[in-house]
Every structure is written in structure tokens, then in C-alpha cells.
Amino acid sequence: MPQKNKGFTTGEFARLCGVSKHTLFHYDEIGIFSPAIRGENGYRYYAPVQIEVFNVIAALKELGMPLAEIRSYLDRRSPEELLVLLEREQAALTQKLTRLGHIRRLIGRRAELTRRAMAVVPGRVEMEDQPERWYVTTPAAGITDQEKYVHVMARHLEYCDAHGVDSPYALGALMPTDAARRGDWDGYTICYTQVDRPLKGVELFTAPAGRYLTYCHAGSFDTIREGYARLLSHADENRLELGPWVLEDVLLDELCCKGYDQYLLKLSVSVMDGI
């Protein structure tokens, strides 16, 4: 309780507002929020009505408003200025909440994809029924050259940013099946970002629903050729006619792996009907 005829001490007021005494001292020093009373002994006392003012300051700071702007408002405060301030911050907060909701969904989707990847047993050739999938693409001839790949990735990321493409998937690539059979590792033609639904105004590569031969490879891009060899050898042994493209997806990458040699990569190629 505040001391009679004085108010709350700095420690009491700090506890009520959930901040440290240092914060109150700092706000006083920069002139943004000062105690209502200063005793002859130098003690500071805060009035109960100051709690609401402090809470507004704390809320504005939480929204990212610089202390200098908050102080500027307080210097010219009026009902009209408060209304302008609150309406502006309400609009900004609505926009921020929309963006945070979008980020929350992306994080949730990435968590889901990571859990799936952790359950994968690498080194197996398997047949899977896969739904229709969509990919934002960028021509990527010669991406095995590091310098060229940097430029391709930059173009791809710029395109995705310009078209509002946010995806929980890592960057992947398309390898023509014929090029893989020839061992032409410069044959990559496209890099891509998978998306969960078609996007208006964005050109997409569509992988049709159907049966896919898949192989998950534990290792780096430098050893992915082993995965292609296993995949194609299995197809030949079982006389499977494959589609024209092999999709090369990164299931686990640098975000959760300590080193390129610990990646988890997945190869998928459609199996033609009637075989």
C-alpha cells in the first residue's frame, strides 16, 4: 500500500508495474516518466494515478515505439493527440498480428515437416502415392558451379520475395531423368521452392498426383549421386518406366544439421501408368 500522503516508493511501484527500479530511474533521467513527489530526503514517490500512464508507456514500448517518440507525445499530450496515437498504433498492431499469425503458421508447418523427416529411414527405395504438388521455379542450368548457383539462388529468392512467396520448404532442384542416367551432374535445369497451394500470379511447375519411386539419402549433395544410382538401378531391375524429372528435395538442412554431410535429401520420380 502507498505510504499515507505520499504514494508508492520506487520499489513498490516497480513491483506493481512488473519492472525493475533501474527502469524507473532510467525513465526519470531521460524525462519520460518521473515520480509525482520527491521527498526532502531524496526519496521518490509515485501516485496511484501514474500506474495507468506507465502501463500505456510500457504498451507503446512493447509495440516497438522508440522512447524518444513516446516522450515527444507526452510533451504534447492531449485528448486529440491520444486518439491519433491510439488509432495509429491499433492499425499497426492489427497489421503486425496478421504477419505474426502468418509466421506462426509457417513455423507450425516447418515443425510438422521436420517431424516427418525425423521418422524417415534413409537408404530405402520405396514406392509412394503422392498428391499433386506445386513449385515456384527458376531456371538453374549449371548450379553445380558454386558461383553460378549463388546467382541463381539470388534470382530465385528475389522472385519469391517480389511475389509474396513464403514457404516452409527448403530449396530443391529438378534433374532430368535422362541426364541422371547419363551421369550428367551439370544437367540440373531448375531450382524450386515448394508451396502448399497454387498462388495467383505466380508461374508454377506442377508435379501430378500418382505413384512415385523415392529414395532418401543421408549425406551431402556431393554424395547424392549414390542415391540416383540406387533409384535408377531399382527402376531398371523392376522394369519401371519413369517420368521425365527427378525432384530433389532437402528434408533436413543446415537449420538442424551440423554440417552438409548430415543432410537428409529425398529423390522422387513419377512412375508411368500401365507398367
Foldseek 3Di string as FASTA:
>chain_A
DADPPFAAWLCRLCVVLVHDSVVQVVCVVVVLDAAPDQDPVRTGHHHPVCSVVVVVVVVCVVLPDDSVVSSVCVVVDDPVSVVVVVVVSVVVVVVVVVVVVVVVVLVVVLVVLLVVVVPDDADDWDKDFDAKWKKQKFFQQQCVPPVSVVVRVVVSVVVCVVQVNDHSFDKKWKAFLVCLVVVNPSRTTMIIGIDPDDDPPTDIDMDHTGMKTKGKDFFAPVPCNVVSVVRVVVCVVVVWDWDGIKIKGWSDDPVPDDDRGGTIIMIIIHTDPPD
